[in-house]
Amino acid sequence: MEQGHYRLSLILASILLVSVAAGALLGSWKTIADVNSPHVREIGKFAVEAHNKLAATTLKFQSVIKGESQVVAGTNYRLTLTAKIGGVSKKYKAVVWEKLDDTKQLTSFQPL
């Protein structure tokens, strides 16, 4: 009987360890391998256009330099991108939430 309790305790401890490890990965930011993919470029362009509407600016999207994604209720994209204003290229950090229904929301846009 005592050996059975030991095995059960070992199994429960293993399940708990795996659950904790998996939970640490959920919601973590992952590097986007291909920042030139059409979808990532679309997210970057959306970020610039949404910022232009909110801030009444005329930035022109150029490229995504690097990015990370995070699975939530949809996907968050944290992108470092370049955009031009008045012929001058500048870097920005943008966060876009792409919801499960494929709509997008700009949650942050900052110059670097």
Protein backbone atom coordinates (compact mmCIF):
# COMPACT_ATOMS: atom_id res chain seq x y z
CA MET A 1 0.00 0.00 0.00
CA GLU A 2 2.81 2.43 0.89
CA GLN A 3 4.46 1.77 -2.50
CA GLY A 4 1.17 2.59 -4.24
CA HIS A 5 1.01 5.97 -2.48
CA TYR A 6 4.61 6.65 -3.51
CA ARG A 7 3.81 5.94 -7.17
CA LEU A 8 0.68 8.05 -7.04
CA SER A 9 2.61 10.92 -5.46
CA LEU A 10 5.31 10.62 -8.12
CA ILE A 11 2.72 10.66 -10.92
CA LEU A 12 0.92 13.68 -9.44
CA ALA A 13 4.20 15.55 -8.99
CA SER A 14 5.12 14.84 -12.62
CA ILE A 15 1.75 16.08 -13.85
CA LEU A 16 2.10 19.24 -11.76
CA LEU A 17 5.61 19.90 -13.10
CA VAL A 18 4.49 19.49 -16.72
CA SER A 19 1.45 21.74 -16.12
CA VAL A 20 3.57 24.49 -14.58
CA ALA A 21 6.12 24.29 -17.43
CA ALA A 22 3.37 24.46 -20.08
CA GLY A 23 1.71 27.38 -18.29
CA ALA A 24 4.95 29.35 -18.38
CA LEU A 25 5.00 29.04 -22.17
CA LEU A 26 1.41 30.15 -22.74
CA GLY A 27 1.26 33.85 -23.37
CA SER A 28 5.02 34.22 -23.78
CA TRP A 29 6.44 36.28 -26.64
CA LYS A 30 7.99 34.32 -29.52
CA THR A 31 10.33 35.75 -32.15
CA ILE A 32 8.81 36.02 -35.63
CA ALA A 33 11.20 34.19 -37.96
CA ASP A 34 10.07 35.83 -41.21
CA VAL A 35 9.28 39.51 -40.69
CA ASN A 36 8.98 39.92 -44.48
CA SER A 37 6.01 37.57 -44.74
CA PRO A 38 2.95 39.21 -46.30
CA HIS A 39 0.93 38.81 -43.09
CA VAL A 40 3.54 40.46 -40.86
CA ARG A 41 3.98 43.30 -43.37
CA GLU A 42 0.18 43.72 -43.39
CA ILE A 43 0.20 44.03 -39.58
CA GLY A 44 3.00 46.62 -39.78
CA LYS A 45 1.18 48.62 -42.43
CA PHE A 46 -2.02 48.49 -40.38
CA ALA A 47 -0.12 49.83 -37.34
CA VAL A 48 1.16 52.84 -39.28
CA GLU A 49 -2.23 53.58 -40.87
CA ALA A 50 -4.05 53.26 -37.53
CA HIS A 51 -1.48 55.55 -35.88
CA ASN A 52 -1.91 58.09 -38.70
CA LYS A 53 -5.66 58.20 -38.03
CA LEU A 54 -5.24 58.56 -34.27
CA ALA A 55 -2.41 61.10 -34.34
CA ALA A 56 -3.31 62.95 -37.56
CA THR A 57 0.14 62.22 -39.02
CA THR A 58 1.25 61.14 -42.48
CA LEU A 59 3.75 58.35 -41.80
CA LYS A 60 4.41 55.99 -44.71
CA PHE A 61 5.11 52.36 -43.81
CA GLN A 62 8.45 51.02 -45.07
CA SER A 63 9.36 47.71 -43.42
CA VAL A 64 9.28 45.51 -40.34
CA ILE A 65 12.76 45.15 -38.84
CA LYS A 66 11.94 42.59 -36.16
CA GLY A 67 8.92 41.22 -34.39
CA GLU A 68 7.45 38.97 -31.77
CA SER A 69 4.05 37.36 -31.42
CA GLN A 70 2.05 36.31 -28.38
CA VAL A 71 -0.96 34.01 -28.42
CA VAL A 72 -3.82 35.47 -26.40
CA ALA A 73 -7.50 35.64 -27.40
CA GLY A 74 -6.10 36.06 -30.91
CA THR A 75 -2.50 37.19 -31.40
CA ASN A 76 -0.53 40.20 -30.22
CA TYR A 77 2.22 41.39 -32.57
CA ARG A 78 5.04 43.52 -31.15
CA LEU A 79 6.91 44.96 -34.12
CA THR A 80 9.89 47.23 -34.64
CA LEU A 81 9.27 48.95 -37.94
CA THR A 82 10.42 51.82 -40.09
CA ALA A 83 8.22 54.52 -41.53
CA LYS A 84 8.94 57.73 -43.40
CA ILE A 85 7.72 61.17 -42.60
CA GLY A 86 8.81 64.12 -44.73
CA GLY A 87 11.39 61.99 -46.50
CA VAL A 88 13.05 60.95 -43.21
CA SER A 89 13.00 57.30 -42.18
CA LYS A 90 12.44 56.63 -38.47
CA LYS A 91 12.02 53.55 -36.25
CA TYR A 92 8.91 52.80 -34.23
CA LYS A 93 7.68 50.08 -31.89
CA ALA A 94 4.07 49.04 -32.43
CA VAL A 95 1.80 46.51 -30.75
CA VAL A 96 -1.21 45.24 -32.67
CA TRP A 97 -3.83 42.84 -31.37
CA GLU A 98 -5.29 40.64 -34.10
CA LYS A 99 -8.53 39.30 -32.67
CA LEU A 100 -10.04 35.88 -33.31
CA ASP A 101 -12.45 37.42 -35.84
CA ASP A 102 -9.42 38.77 -37.80
CA THR A 103 -10.09 42.40 -36.85
CA LYS A 104 -7.07 44.38 -35.67
CA GLN A 105 -6.55 46.94 -32.94
CA LEU A 106 -3.49 49.14 -32.42
CA THR A 107 -2.64 49.03 -28.72
CA SER A 108 0.67 50.90 -28.75
CA PHE A 109 2.79 52.97 -31.15
CA GLN A 110 6.00 54.68 -29.97
CA PRO A 111 9.02 56.25 -31.64
CA LEU A 112 12.36 54.64 -30.85
